[in-house]
Each structure stands twice: as structure tokens, then as C-alpha cells.
PDB file of N, CA and C in Angstrom:
ATOM      1  N   MET A   1     -11.441 -20.589  10.870  1.00  0.00           N
ATOM      2  CA  MET A   1     -12.199 -21.360   9.904  1.00  0.00           C
ATOM      3  C   MET A   1     -13.655 -21.385  10.321  1.00  0.00           C
ATOM      4  N   ASN A   2     -14.528 -21.270   9.372  1.00  0.00           N
ATOM      5  CA  ASN A   2     -15.957 -21.307   9.611  1.00  0.00           C
ATOM      6  C   ASN A   2     -16.435 -22.754   9.587  1.00  0.00           C
ATOM      7  N   ASN A   3     -17.132 -23.185  10.633  1.00  0.00           N
ATOM      8  CA  ASN A   3     -17.607 -24.560  10.712  1.00  0.00           C
ATOM      9  C   ASN A   3     -18.994 -24.751  10.123  1.00  0.00           C
ATOM     10  N   TYR A   4     -19.598 -23.707   9.621  1.00  0.00           N
ATOM     11  CA  TYR A   4     -20.928 -23.814   9.043  1.00  0.00           C
ATOM     12  C   TYR A   4     -20.812 -24.048   7.548  1.00  0.00           C
ATOM     13  N   PRO A   5     -21.834 -24.668   6.948  1.00  0.00           N
ATOM     14  CA  PRO A   5     -21.725 -24.936   5.513  1.00  0.00           C
ATOM     15  C   PRO A   5     -21.706 -23.655   4.700  1.00  0.00           C
ATOM     16  N   ASN A   6     -21.137 -23.758   3.538  1.00  0.00           N
ATOM     17  CA  ASN A   6     -21.104 -22.656   2.596  1.00  0.00           C
ATOM     18  C   ASN A   6     -22.490 -22.580   1.959  1.00  0.00           C
ATOM     19  N   LEU A   7     -23.355 -21.761   2.520  1.00  0.00           N
ATOM     20  CA  LEU A   7     -24.737 -21.737   2.056  1.00  0.00           C
ATOM     21  C   LEU A   7     -24.888 -21.173   0.650  1.00  0.00           C
ATOM     22  N   ARG A   8     -23.871 -20.531   0.135  1.00  0.00           N
ATOM     23  CA  ARG A   8     -23.926 -20.057  -1.250  1.00  0.00           C
ATOM     24  C   ARG A   8     -23.905 -21.253  -2.202  1.00  0.00           C
ATOM     25  N   GLU A   9     -23.116 -22.254  -1.884  1.00  0.00           N
ATOM     26  CA  GLU A   9     -23.018 -23.474  -2.694  1.00  0.00           C
ATOM     27  C   GLU A   9     -23.466 -24.661  -1.848  1.00  0.00           C
ATOM     28  N   PHE A  10     -24.708 -24.647  -1.409  1.00  0.00           N
ATOM     29  CA  PHE A  10     -25.276 -25.683  -0.546  1.00  0.00           C
ATOM     30  C   PHE A  10     -26.604 -26.101  -1.158  1.00  0.00           C
ATOM     31  N   TYR A  11     -26.647 -27.326  -1.650  1.00  0.00           N
ATOM     32  CA  TYR A  11     -27.825 -27.808  -2.366  1.00  0.00           C
ATOM     33  C   TYR A  11     -28.374 -29.032  -1.648  1.00  0.00           C
ATOM     34  N   GLU A  12     -29.560 -28.882  -1.091  1.00  0.00           N
ATOM     35  CA  GLU A  12     -30.146 -29.974  -0.320  1.00  0.00           C
ATOM     36  C   GLU A  12     -31.185 -30.727  -1.126  1.00  0.00           C
ATOM     37  N   LYS A  13     -31.364 -31.989  -0.735  1.00  0.00           N
ATOM     38  CA  LYS A  13     -32.378 -32.834  -1.355  1.00  0.00           C
ATOM     39  C   LYS A  13     -33.609 -32.845  -0.443  1.00  0.00           C
ATOM     40  N   VAL A  14     -34.653 -33.478  -0.890  1.00  0.00           N
ATOM     41  CA  VAL A  14     -35.866 -33.598  -0.085  1.00  0.00           C
ATOM     42  C   VAL A  14     -35.549 -34.467   1.135  1.00  0.00           C
ATOM     43  N   PRO A  15     -35.946 -34.042   2.345  1.00  0.00           N
ATOM     44  CA  PRO A  15     -35.681 -34.851   3.544  1.00  0.00           C
ATOM     45  C   PRO A  15     -36.305 -36.246   3.431  1.00  0.00           C
ATOM     46  N   ILE A  16     -35.614 -37.228   4.010  1.00  0.00           N
ATOM     47  CA  ILE A  16     -36.036 -38.629   3.965  1.00  0.00           C
ATOM     48  C   ILE A  16     -36.264 -39.102   5.393  1.00  0.00           C
ATOM     49  N   LEU A  17     -37.390 -39.751   5.626  1.00  0.00           N
ATOM     50  CA  LEU A  17     -37.739 -40.255   6.947  1.00  0.00           C
ATOM     51  C   LEU A  17     -36.673 -41.236   7.446  1.00  0.00           C
ATOM     52  N   ILE A  18     -36.249 -41.086   8.690  1.00  0.00           N
ATOM     53  CA  ILE A  18     -35.255 -41.994   9.283  1.00  0.00           C
ATOM     54  C   ILE A  18     -35.944 -43.313   9.624  1.00  0.00           C
ATOM     55  N   GLY A  19     -35.380 -44.423   9.162  1.00  0.00           N
ATOM     56  CA  GLY A  19     -35.926 -45.750   9.447  1.00  0.00           C
ATOM     57  C   GLY A  19     -35.502 -46.249  10.823  1.00  0.00           C
ATOM     58  N   GLU A  20     -36.062 -47.369  11.234  1.00  0.00           N
ATOM     59  CA  GLU A  20     -35.809 -47.914  12.573  1.00  0.00           C
ATOM     60  C   GLU A  20     -34.344 -48.280  12.792  1.00  0.00           C
ATOM     61  N   ASN A  21     -33.716 -48.948  11.825  1.00  0.00           N
ATOM     62  CA  ASN A  21     -32.307 -49.341  11.978  1.00  0.00           C
ATOM     63  C   ASN A  21     -31.403 -48.121  12.096  1.00  0.00           C
ATOM     64  N   ASP A  22     -31.631 -47.148  11.224  1.00  0.00           N
ATOM     65  CA  ASP A  22     -30.807 -45.944  11.250  1.00  0.00           C
ATOM     66  C   ASP A  22     -31.057 -45.130  12.517  1.00  0.00           C
ATOM     67  N   ARG A  23     -32.305 -45.103  12.998  1.00  0.00           N
ATOM     68  CA  ARG A  23     -32.613 -44.383  14.241  1.00  0.00           C
ATOM     69  C   ARG A  23     -31.860 -45.010  15.420  1.00  0.00           C
ATOM     70  N   ALA A  24     -31.830 -46.342  15.474  1.00  0.00           N
ATOM     71  CA  ALA A  24     -31.109 -47.026  16.549  1.00  0.00           C
ATOM     72  C   ALA A  24     -29.619 -46.693  16.487  1.00  0.00           C
ATOM     73  N   ALA A  25     -29.044 -46.694  15.286  1.00  0.00           N
ATOM     74  CA  ALA A  25     -27.624 -46.356  15.129  1.00  0.00           C
ATOM     75  C   ALA A  25     -27.367 -44.909  15.512  1.00  0.00           C
ATOM     76  N   LEU A  26     -28.267 -44.021  15.138  1.00  0.00           N
ATOM     77  CA  LEU A  26     -28.126 -42.601  15.472  1.00  0.00           C
ATOM     78  C   LEU A  26     -28.134 -42.409  16.984  1.00  0.00           C
ATOM     79  N   LYS A  27     -29.040 -43.083  17.671  1.00  0.00           N
ATOM     80  CA  LYS A  27     -29.114 -42.968  19.134  1.00  0.00           C
ATOM     81  C   LYS A  27     -27.876 -43.555  19.798  1.00  0.00           C
ATOM     82  N   ASN A  28     -27.363 -44.665  19.254  1.00  0.00           N
ATOM     83  CA  ASN A  28     -26.155 -45.276  19.820  1.00  0.00           C
ATOM     84  C   ASN A  28     -24.944 -44.372  19.672  1.00  0.00           C
ATOM     85  N   ASN A  29     -24.877 -43.624  18.581  1.00  0.00           N
ATOM     86  CA  ASN A  29     -23.738 -42.743  18.329  1.00  0.00           C
ATOM     87  C   ASN A  29     -23.867 -41.391  19.008  1.00  0.00           C
ATOM     88  N   ALA A  30     -25.064 -41.057  19.446  1.00  0.00           N
ATOM     89  CA  ALA A  30     -25.293 -39.744  20.065  1.00  0.00           C
ATOM     90  C   ALA A  30     -24.649 -39.686  21.441  1.00  0.00           C
ATOM     91  N   GLN A  31     -24.150 -38.520  21.775  1.00  0.00           N
ATOM     92  CA  GLN A  31     -23.614 -38.318  23.112  1.00  0.00           C
ATOM     93  C   GLN A  31     -24.778 -38.159  24.074  1.00  0.00           C
ATOM     94  N   GLU A  32     -24.555 -38.504  25.323  1.00  0.00           N
ATOM     95  CA  GLU A  32     -25.630 -38.490  26.312  1.00  0.00           C
ATOM     96  C   GLU A  32     -26.318 -37.143  26.434  1.00  0.00           C
ATOM     97  N   ASP A  33     -25.579 -36.056  26.307  1.00  0.00           N
ATOM     98  CA  ASP A  33     -26.163 -34.729  26.487  1.00  0.00           C
ATOM     99  C   ASP A  33     -26.802 -34.174  25.217  1.00  0.00           C
ATOM    100  N   ASP A  34     -26.775 -34.924  24.138  1.00  0.00           N
ATOM    101  CA  ASP A  34     -27.323 -34.440  22.872  1.00  0.00           C
ATOM    102  C   ASP A  34     -28.730 -34.993  22.659  1.00  0.00           C
ATOM    103  N   THR A  35     -29.703 -34.354  23.275  1.00  0.00           N
ATOM    104  CA  THR A  35     -31.088 -34.804  23.158  1.00  0.00           C
ATOM    105  C   THR A  35     -31.719 -34.379  21.840  1.00  0.00           C
ATOM    106  N   SER A  36     -31.108 -33.441  21.129  1.00  0.00           N
ATOM    107  CA  SER A  36     -31.693 -32.974  19.869  1.00  0.00           C
ATOM    108  C   SER A  36     -31.749 -34.090  18.828  1.00  0.00           C
ATOM    109  N   LEU A  37     -30.795 -35.020  18.876  1.00  0.00           N
ATOM    110  CA  LEU A  37     -30.803 -36.107  17.903  1.00  0.00           C
ATOM    111  C   LEU A  37     -31.993 -37.033  18.105  1.00  0.00           C
ATOM    112  N   GLU A  38     -32.438 -37.170  19.343  1.00  0.00           N
ATOM    113  CA  GLU A  38     -33.575 -38.043  19.619  1.00  0.00           C
ATOM    114  C   GLU A  38     -34.848 -37.532  18.969  1.00  0.00           C
ATOM    115  N   SER A  39     -34.938 -36.231  18.763  1.00  0.00           N
ATOM    116  CA  SER A  39     -36.136 -35.668  18.140  1.00  0.00           C
ATOM    117  C   SER A  39     -36.019 -35.607  16.618  1.00  0.00           C
ATOM    118  N   SER A  40     -34.901 -36.070  16.073  1.00  0.00           N
ATOM    119  CA  SER A  40     -34.719 -36.078  14.620  1.00  0.00           C
ATOM    120  C   SER A  40     -35.667 -37.086  13.989  1.00  0.00           C
ATOM    121  N   THR A  41     -36.294 -36.679  12.915  1.00  0.00           N
ATOM    122  CA  THR A  41     -37.240 -37.546  12.219  1.00  0.00           C
ATOM    123  C   THR A  41     -36.816 -37.844  10.782  1.00  0.00           C
ATOM    124  N   HIS A  42     -35.929 -37.025  10.239  1.00  0.00           N
ATOM    125  CA  HIS A  42     -35.559 -37.137   8.830  1.00  0.00           C
ATOM    126  C   HIS A  42     -34.049 -36.993   8.640  1.00  0.00           C
ATOM    127  N   TRP A  43     -33.577 -37.471   7.503  1.00  0.00           N
ATOM    128  CA  TRP A  43     -32.224 -37.208   7.034  1.00  0.00           C
ATOM    129  C   TRP A  43     -32.299 -36.079   6.026  1.00  0.00           C
ATOM    130  N   LEU A  44     -31.392 -35.138   6.136  1.00  0.00           N
ATOM    131  CA  LEU A  44     -31.258 -34.100   5.118  1.00  0.00           C
ATOM    132  C   LEU A  44     -29.918 -34.335   4.426  1.00  0.00           C
ATOM    133  N   ILE A  45     -29.971 -34.698   3.163  1.00  0.00           N
ATOM    134  CA  ILE A  45     -28.769 -34.970   2.377  1.00  0.00           C
ATOM    135  C   ILE A  45     -28.523 -33.758   1.486  1.00  0.00           C
ATOM    136  N   ALA A  46     -27.283 -33.274   1.505  1.00  0.00           N
ATOM    137  CA  ALA A  46     -26.970 -32.053   0.763  1.00  0.00           C
ATOM    138  C   ALA A  46     -25.579 -32.154   0.148  1.00  0.00           C
ATOM    139  N   MET A  47     -25.354 -31.310  -0.842  1.00  0.00           N
ATOM    140  CA  MET A  47     -24.033 -31.168  -1.438  1.00  0.00           C
ATOM    141  C   MET A  47     -23.526 -29.777  -1.127  1.00  0.00           C
ATOM    142  N   GLU A  48     -22.264 -29.713  -0.735  1.00  0.00           N
ATOM    143  CA  GLU A  48     -21.642 -28.432  -0.415  1.00  0.00           C
ATOM    144  C   GLU A  48     -20.430 -28.246  -1.309  1.00  0.00           C
ATOM    145  N   GLY A  49     -20.378 -27.109  -1.978  1.00  0.00           N
ATOM    146  CA  GLY A  49     -19.250 -26.805  -2.848  1.00  0.00           C
ATOM    147  C   GLY A  49     -18.341 -25.770  -2.221  1.00  0.00           C
ATOM    148  N   SER A  50     -17.046 -25.973  -2.375  1.00  0.00           N
ATOM    149  CA  SER A  50     -16.083 -24.974  -1.904  1.00  0.00           C
ATOM    150  C   SER A  50     -15.146 -24.644  -3.067  1.00  0.00           C
ATOM    151  N   GLU A  51     -14.921 -23.363  -3.262  1.00  0.00           N
ATOM    152  CA  GLU A  51     -14.102 -22.900  -4.383  1.00  0.00           C
ATOM    153  C   GLU A  51     -12.630 -23.066  -4.032  1.00  0.00           C
ATOM    154  N   LYS A  52     -11.927 -23.869  -4.809  1.00  0.00           N
ATOM    155  CA  LYS A  52     -10.499 -24.116  -4.585  1.00  0.00           C
ATOM    156  C   LYS A  52      -9.640 -23.124  -5.350  1.00  0.00           C
ATOM    157  N   GLN A  53     -10.064 -22.798  -6.532  1.00  0.00           N
ATOM    158  CA  GLN A  53      -9.441 -21.777  -7.374  1.00  0.00           C
ATOM    159  C   GLN A  53     -10.601 -21.047  -8.034  1.00  0.00           C
ATOM    160  N   ARG A  54     -10.292 -19.999  -8.717  1.00  0.00           N
ATOM    161  CA  ARG A  54     -11.365 -19.261  -9.388  1.00  0.00           C
ATOM    162  C   ARG A  54     -12.137 -20.207 -10.317  1.00  0.00           C
ATOM    163  N   ASN A  55     -13.430 -20.341 -10.049  1.00  0.00           N
ATOM    164  CA  ASN A  55     -14.346 -21.180 -10.832  1.00  0.00           C
ATOM    165  C   ASN A  55     -14.005 -22.667 -10.814  1.00  0.00           C
ATOM    166  N   VAL A  56     -13.236 -23.119  -9.825  1.00  0.00           N
ATOM    167  CA  VAL A  56     -12.944 -24.542  -9.651  1.00  0.00           C
ATOM    168  C   VAL A  56     -13.458 -24.943  -8.271  1.00  0.00           C
ATOM    169  N   TYR A  57     -14.433 -25.845  -8.256  1.00  0.00           N
ATOM    170  CA  TYR A  57     -15.067 -26.246  -7.003  1.00  0.00           C
ATOM    171  C   TYR A  57     -14.776 -27.702  -6.688  1.00  0.00           C
ATOM    172  N   HIS A  58     -14.711 -27.975  -5.404  1.00  0.00           N
ATOM    173  CA  HIS A  58     -14.705 -29.337  -4.890  1.00  0.00           C
ATOM    174  C   HIS A  58     -16.013 -29.505  -4.141  1.00  0.00           C
ATOM    175  N   TRP A  59     -16.571 -30.702  -4.199  1.00  0.00           N
ATOM    176  CA  TRP A  59     -17.883 -30.965  -3.621  1.00  0.00           C
ATOM    177  C   TRP A  59     -17.799 -32.084  -2.609  1.00  0.00           C
ATOM    178  N   LYS A  60     -18.599 -31.978  -1.565  1.00  0.00           N
ATOM    179  CA  LYS A  60     -18.756 -33.102  -0.659  1.00  0.00           C
ATOM    180  C   LYS A  60     -20.235 -33.277  -0.367  1.00  0.00           C
ATOM    181  N   VAL A  61     -20.588 -34.495  -0.028  1.00  0.00           N
ATOM    182  CA  VAL A  61     -21.969 -34.831   0.291  1.00  0.00           C
ATOM    183  C   VAL A  61     -22.071 -34.940   1.804  1.00  0.00           C
ATOM    184  N   LEU A  62     -23.061 -34.264   2.359  1.00  0.00           N
ATOM    185  CA  LEU A  62     -23.268 -34.223   3.806  1.00  0.00           C
ATOM    186  C   LEU A  62     -24.637 -34.797   4.149  1.00  0.00           C
ATOM    187  N   ILE A  63     -24.716 -35.458   5.302  1.00  0.00           N
ATOM    188  CA  ILE A  63     -25.999 -35.958   5.800  1.00  0.00           C
ATOM    189  C   ILE A  63     -26.187 -35.419   7.209  1.00  0.00           C
ATOM    190  N   TYR A  64     -27.325 -34.766   7.421  1.00  0.00           N
ATOM    191  CA  TYR A  64     -27.657 -34.200   8.726  1.00  0.00           C
ATOM    192  C   TYR A  64     -28.934 -34.828   9.267  1.00  0.00           C
ATOM    193  N   PRO A  65     -28.967 -35.150  10.568  1.00  0.00           N
ATOM    194  CA  PRO A  65     -30.249 -35.487  11.188  1.00  0.00           C
ATOM    195  C   PRO A  65     -31.070 -34.202  11.270  1.00  0.00           C
ATOM    196  N   SER A  66     -32.359 -34.294  11.002  1.00  0.00           N
ATOM    197  CA  SER A  66     -33.181 -33.090  10.992  1.00  0.00           C
ATOM    198  C   SER A  66     -34.621 -33.416  11.371  1.00  0.00           C
ATOM    199  N   GLN A  67     -35.379 -32.363  11.510  1.00  0.00           N
ATOM    200  CA  GLN A  67     -36.831 -32.479  11.624  1.00  0.00           C
ATOM    201  C   GLN A  67     -37.373 -31.847  10.356  1.00  0.00           C
ATOM    202  N   THR A  68     -37.746 -32.614   9.421  1.00  0.00           N
ATOM    203  CA  THR A  68     -38.080 -32.213   8.051  1.00  0.00           C
ATOM    204  C   THR A  68     -37.012 -31.283   7.494  1.00  0.00           C
ATOM    205  N   LYS A  69     -37.105 -29.965   7.668  1.00  0.00           N
ATOM    206  CA  LYS A  69     -36.094 -29.078   7.080  1.00  0.00           C
ATOM    207  C   LYS A  69     -35.249 -28.366   8.124  1.00  0.00           C
ATOM    208  N   MET A  70     -35.484 -28.599   9.404  1.00  0.00           N
ATOM    209  CA  MET A  70     -34.705 -27.926  10.441  1.00  0.00           C
ATOM    210  C   MET A  70     -33.514 -28.804  10.830  1.00  0.00           C
ATOM    211  N   ILE A  71     -32.323 -28.334  10.541  1.00  0.00           N
ATOM    212  CA  ILE A  71     -31.112 -29.074  10.886  1.00  0.00           C
ATOM    213  C   ILE A  71     -30.714 -28.703  12.304  1.00  0.00           C
ATOM    214  N   HIS A  72     -30.403 -29.720  13.102  1.00  0.00           N
ATOM    215  CA  HIS A  72     -30.073 -29.477  14.502  1.00  0.00           C
ATOM    216  C   HIS A  72     -28.703 -28.844  14.688  1.00  0.00           C
ATOM    217  N   CYS A  73     -27.727 -29.291  13.921  1.00  0.00           N
ATOM    218  CA  CYS A  73     -26.384 -28.753  14.114  1.00  0.00           C
ATOM    219  C   CYS A  73     -25.579 -28.878  12.821  1.00  0.00           C
ATOM    220  N   TYR A  74     -25.309 -27.738  12.203  1.00  0.00           N
ATOM    221  CA  TYR A  74     -24.507 -27.741  10.981  1.00  0.00           C
ATOM    222  C   TYR A  74     -23.057 -28.127  11.251  1.00  0.00           C
ATOM    223  N   LYS A  75     -22.612 -27.948  12.484  1.00  0.00           N
ATOM    224  CA  LYS A  75     -21.199 -28.202  12.793  1.00  0.00           C
ATOM    225  C   LYS A  75     -20.849 -29.682  12.774  1.00  0.00           C
ATOM    226  N   SER A  76     -21.825 -30.534  13.003  1.00  0.00           N
ATOM    227  CA  SER A  76     -21.496 -31.954  13.087  1.00  0.00           C
ATOM    228  C   SER A  76     -22.481 -32.800  12.287  1.00  0.00           C
ATOM    229  N   PRO A  77     -22.232 -32.925  10.987  1.00  0.00           N
ATOM    230  CA  PRO A  77     -23.100 -33.792  10.189  1.00  0.00           C
ATOM    231  C   PRO A  77     -22.936 -35.247  10.625  1.00  0.00           C
ATOM    232  N   TYR A  78     -23.950 -36.042  10.394  1.00  0.00           N
ATOM    233  CA  TYR A  78     -23.873 -37.477  10.675  1.00  0.00           C
ATOM    234  C   TYR A  78     -22.820 -38.115   9.773  1.00  0.00           C
ATOM    235  N   TYR A  79     -22.720 -37.603   8.553  1.00  0.00           N
ATOM    236  CA  TYR A  79     -21.797 -38.160   7.573  1.00  0.00           C
ATOM    237  C   TYR A  79     -21.315 -37.042   6.654  1.00  0.00           C
ATOM    238  N   ALA A  80     -20.053 -37.093   6.298  1.00  0.00           N
ATOM    239  CA  ALA A  80     -19.488 -36.178   5.303  1.00  0.00           C
ATOM    240  C   ALA A  80     -18.549 -36.986   4.410  1.00  0.00           C
ATOM    241  N   SER A  81     -18.772 -36.910   3.127  1.00  0.00           N
ATOM    242  CA  SER A  81     -17.954 -37.674   2.180  1.00  0.00           C
ATOM    243  C   SER A  81     -16.599 -37.010   1.976  1.00  0.00           C
ATOM    244  N   GLN A  82     -15.733 -37.724   1.301  1.00  0.00           N
ATOM    245  CA  GLN A  82     -14.507 -37.118   0.803  1.00  0.00           C
ATOM    246  C   GLN A  82     -14.909 -36.152  -0.313  1.00  0.00           C
ATOM    247  N   HIS A  83     -13.986 -35.333  -0.762  1.00  0.00           N
ATOM    248  CA  HIS A  83     -14.298 -34.349  -1.802  1.00  0.00           C
ATOM    249  C   HIS A  83     -14.371 -34.992  -3.187  1.00  0.00           C
ATOM    250  N   PHE A  84     -15.277 -34.453  -3.987  1.00  0.00           N
ATOM    251  CA  PHE A  84     -15.406 -34.812  -5.399  1.00  0.00           C
ATOM    252  C   PHE A  84     -14.991 -33.594  -6.216  1.00  0.00           C
ATOM    253  N   THR A  85     -14.302 -33.821  -7.324  1.00  0.00           N
ATOM    254  CA  THR A  85     -13.923 -32.701  -8.187  1.00  0.00           C
ATOM    255  C   THR A  85     -15.010 -32.391  -9.210  1.00  0.00           C
ATOM    256  N   SER A  86     -15.982 -33.269  -9.316  1.00  0.00           N
ATOM    257  CA  SER A  86     -17.076 -33.083 -10.270  1.00  0.00           C
ATOM    258  C   SER A  86     -18.406 -33.032  -9.526  1.00  0.00           C
ATOM    259  N   ILE A  87     -19.213 -32.034  -9.826  1.00  0.00           N
ATOM    260  CA  ILE A  87     -20.537 -31.960  -9.208  1.00  0.00           C
ATOM    261  C   ILE A  87     -21.384 -33.155  -9.633  1.00  0.00           C
ATOM    262  N   TYR A  88     -21.151 -33.666 -10.834  1.00  0.00           N
ATOM    263  CA  TYR A  88     -21.931 -34.804 -11.319  1.00  0.00           C
ATOM    264  C   TYR A  88     -21.641 -36.062 -10.504  1.00  0.00           C
ATOM    265  N   GLU A  89     -20.383 -36.245 -10.105  1.00  0.00           N
ATOM    266  CA  GLU A  89     -20.041 -37.370  -9.233  1.00  0.00           C
ATOM    267  C   GLU A  89     -20.688 -37.194  -7.864  1.00  0.00           C
ATOM    268  N   ALA A  90     -20.699 -35.968  -7.359  1.00  0.00           N
ATOM    269  CA  ALA A  90     -21.330 -35.692  -6.066  1.00  0.00           C
ATOM    270  C   ALA A  90     -22.834 -35.942  -6.135  1.00  0.00           C
ATOM    271  N   ILE A  91     -23.464 -35.539  -7.226  1.00  0.00           N
ATOM    272  CA  ILE A  91     -24.902 -35.782  -7.393  1.00  0.00           C
ATOM    273  C   ILE A  91     -25.180 -37.280  -7.425  1.00  0.00           C
ATOM    274  N   GLU A  92     -24.383 -38.012  -8.180  1.00  0.00           N
ATOM    275  CA  GLU A  92     -24.567 -39.464  -8.267  1.00  0.00           C
ATOM    276  C   GLU A  92     -24.411 -40.111  -6.886  1.00  0.00           C
ATOM    277  N   TYR A  93     -23.390 -39.697  -6.151  1.00  0.00           N
ATOM    278  CA  TYR A  93     -23.170 -40.261  -4.822  1.00  0.00           C
ATOM    279  C   TYR A  93     -24.304 -39.879  -3.869  1.00  0.00           C
ATOM    280  N   SER A  94     -24.796 -38.643  -3.961  1.00  0.00           N
ATOM    281  CA  SER A  94     -25.914 -38.238  -3.100  1.00  0.00           C
ATOM    282  C   SER A  94     -27.161 -39.055  -3.425  1.00  0.00           C
ATOM    283  N   ASN A  95     -27.346 -39.421  -4.685  1.00  0.00           N
ATOM    284  CA  ASN A  95     -28.472 -40.281  -5.062  1.00  0.00           C
ATOM    285  C   ASN A  95     -28.324 -41.675  -4.460  1.00  0.00           C
ATOM    286  N   GLU A  96     -27.089 -42.200  -4.453  1.00  0.00           N
ATOM    287  CA  GLU A  96     -26.837 -43.506  -3.837  1.00  0.00           C
ATOM    288  C   GLU A  96     -27.139 -43.460  -2.340  1.00  0.00           C
ATOM    289  N   LEU A  97     -26.711 -42.384  -1.675  1.00  0.00           N
ATOM    290  CA  LEU A  97     -26.975 -42.252  -0.241  1.00  0.00           C
ATOM    291  C   LEU A  97     -28.466 -42.075   0.032  1.00  0.00           C
ATOM    292  N   SER A  98     -29.160 -41.366  -0.831  1.00  0.00           N
ATOM    293  CA  SER A  98     -30.611 -41.211  -0.680  1.00  0.00           C
ATOM    294  C   SER A  98     -31.302 -42.567  -0.760  1.00  0.00           C
ATOM    295  N   GLN A  99     -30.849 -43.400  -1.686  1.00  0.00           N
ATOM    296  CA  GLN A  99     -31.430 -44.741  -1.808  1.00  0.00           C
ATOM    297  C   GLN A  99     -31.163 -45.557  -0.542  1.00  0.00           C
ATOM    298  N   LYS A 100     -29.946 -45.477  -0.022  1.00  0.00           N
ATOM    299  CA  LYS A 100     -29.627 -46.180   1.231  1.00  0.00           C
ATOM    300  C   LYS A 100     -30.514 -45.685   2.367  1.00  0.00           C
ATOM    301  N   ALA A 101     -30.760 -44.383   2.416  1.00  0.00           N
ATOM    302  CA  ALA A 101     -31.615 -43.821   3.469  1.00  0.00           C
ATOM    303  C   ALA A 101     -33.038 -44.353   3.341  1.00  0.00           C
ATOM    304  N   ARG A 102     -33.554 -44.408   2.121  1.00  0.00           N
ATOM    305  CA  ARG A 102     -34.912 -44.931   1.917  1.00  0.00           C
ATOM    306  C   ARG A 102     -34.999 -46.406   2.290  1.00  0.00           C
ATOM    307  N   GLU A 103     -33.885 -47.129   2.151  1.00  0.00           N
ATOM    308  CA  GLU A 103     -33.843 -48.554   2.493  1.00  0.00           C
ATOM    309  C   GLU A 103     -33.473 -48.783   3.954  1.00  0.00           C
ATOM    310  N   ASP A 104     -33.326 -47.703   4.741  1.00  0.00           N
ATOM    311  CA  ASP A 104     -32.979 -47.790   6.162  1.00  0.00           C
ATOM    312  C   ASP A 104     -31.602 -48.433   6.348  1.00  0.00           C
ATOM    313  N   GLN A 105     -30.649 -48.064   5.477  1.00  0.00           N
ATOM    314  CA  GLN A 105     -29.320 -48.666   5.495  1.00  0.00           C
ATOM    315  C   GLN A 105     -28.184 -47.654   5.598  1.00  0.00           C
ATOM    316  N   LEU A 106     -28.468 -46.410   5.987  1.00  0.00           N
ATOM    317  CA  LEU A 106     -27.380 -45.428   6.108  1.00  0.00           C
ATOM    318  C   LEU A 106     -26.385 -45.828   7.193  1.00  0.00           C
ATOM    319  N   SER A 107     -26.867 -46.529   8.195  1.00  0.00           N
ATOM    320  CA  SER A 107     -25.975 -46.926   9.288  1.00  0.00           C
ATOM    321  C   SER A 107     -24.927 -47.935   8.832  1.00  0.00           C
ATOM    322  N   THR A 108     -25.075 -48.498   7.632  1.00  0.00           N
ATOM    323  CA  THR A 108     -24.117 -49.492   7.144  1.00  0.00           C
ATOM    324  C   THR A 108     -22.983 -48.882   6.328  1.00  0.00           C
ATOM    325  N   ILE A 109     -23.078 -47.590   5.990  1.00  0.00           N
ATOM    326  CA  ILE A 109     -22.011 -46.993   5.177  1.00  0.00           C
ATOM    327  C   ILE A 109     -20.790 -46.724   6.044  1.00  0.00           C
ATOM    328  N   GLU A 110     -19.641 -46.888   5.432  1.00  0.00           N
ATOM    329  CA  GLU A 110     -18.397 -46.629   6.148  1.00  0.00           C
ATOM    330  C   GLU A 110     -18.127 -45.137   6.130  1.00  0.00           C
ATOM    331  N   LYS A 111     -17.895 -44.596   7.302  1.00  0.00           N
ATOM    332  CA  LYS A 111     -17.637 -43.156   7.395  1.00  0.00           C
ATOM    333  C   LYS A 111     -16.173 -42.884   7.073  1.00  0.00           C
ATOM    334  N   PRO A 112     -15.912 -41.943   6.161  1.00  0.00           N
ATOM    335  CA  PRO A 112     -14.522 -41.632   5.800  1.00  0.00           C
ATOM    336  C   PRO A 112     -13.820 -40.877   6.921  1.00  0.00           C
ATOM    337  N   VAL A 113     -12.511 -40.957   6.906  1.00  0.00           N
ATOM    338  CA  VAL A 113     -11.721 -40.141   7.822  1.00  0.00           C
ATOM    339  C   VAL A 113     -11.735 -38.731   7.256  1.00  0.00           C
ATOM    340  N   LEU A 114     -12.263 -37.802   8.035  1.00  0.00           N
ATOM    341  CA  LEU A 114     -12.416 -36.440   7.531  1.00  0.00           C
ATOM    342  C   LEU A 114     -11.148 -35.641   7.746  1.00  0.00           C
ATOM    343  N   GLN A 115     -10.794 -34.875   6.725  1.00  0.00           N
ATOM    344  CA  GLN A 115      -9.657 -33.975   6.819  1.00  0.00           C
ATOM    345  C   GLN A 115     -10.187 -32.560   6.744  1.00  0.00           C
ATOM    346  N   ARG A 116      -9.825 -31.758   7.712  1.00  0.00           N
ATOM    347  CA  ARG A 116     -10.267 -30.357   7.732  1.00  0.00           C
ATOM    348  C   ARG A 116      -9.514 -29.574   6.675  1.00  0.00           C
ATOM    349  N   GLU A 117     -10.236 -28.655   6.058  1.00  0.00           N
ATOM    350  CA  GLU A 117      -9.609 -27.800   5.054  1.00  0.00           C
ATOM    351  C   GLU A 117      -8.924 -26.633   5.732  1.00  0.00           C
ATOM    352  N   ALA A 118      -7.824 -26.196   5.154  1.00  0.00           N
ATOM    353  CA  ALA A 118      -7.112 -25.039   5.699  1.00  0.00           C
ATOM    354  C   ALA A 118      -7.737 -23.767   5.209  1.00  0.00           C
TER     355      ALA A 118
END
């Protein structure tokens, strides 16, 4: 299985500056040897689509710590949503997460239990 995003169906939003509360939460969750997160300045929120059947996609919303547009590690997003069957639902949810990021409240969202795809 490939752990990198499907860049063919990968749509990112404009990076959002990480606020003080979210930065503190990010540092608390970071492993001691992961210094790249400390240099993160922005959140990169994106939607990733995966084809389940011919022309049938499932979407998830991902949040990565980044430096404007440079993502430190595609393998481990800060947050990954459950799958949406509609791109419109994924867009709406990504807008909600963008608003939380602008309000410095991403650290308050409940992280879903992620299930790996086969």
C-alpha cells in the first residue's frame, strides 16, 4: 500500500497560519525526535479522493503541518477525516476545518479512529 496521498485527486486549500493554541497542541503531540513539526508555520488542509469503483470516489479531508506550501510528512497528517461519499460534503467539512484553523481551534476537534484501506 502506498502511504503517500493520491496526488491525482489531491486538492489543497490556501495554507493557514498556525495559532498559539494549536502550536502548543502540535508540540505536545510531536515525538521528541520530530523537530520538523517545530518549524511548521501553517496548516495545509486538503481533500484526497480515492476511486472505489469506476468513476465512484470517496473523499477524506487531511490536515498537514507545513511551512506555507512545503509539507513535512505526507505519511502522517495531523488529522484525517472519515471518508465522504460526496465531494460536496468533503468541501463543506474542509471549510469548517479551515474556519477552526483561523480561530486557532483545530486542537479541539476530535480525531477519528482511522481505518487503513486495503
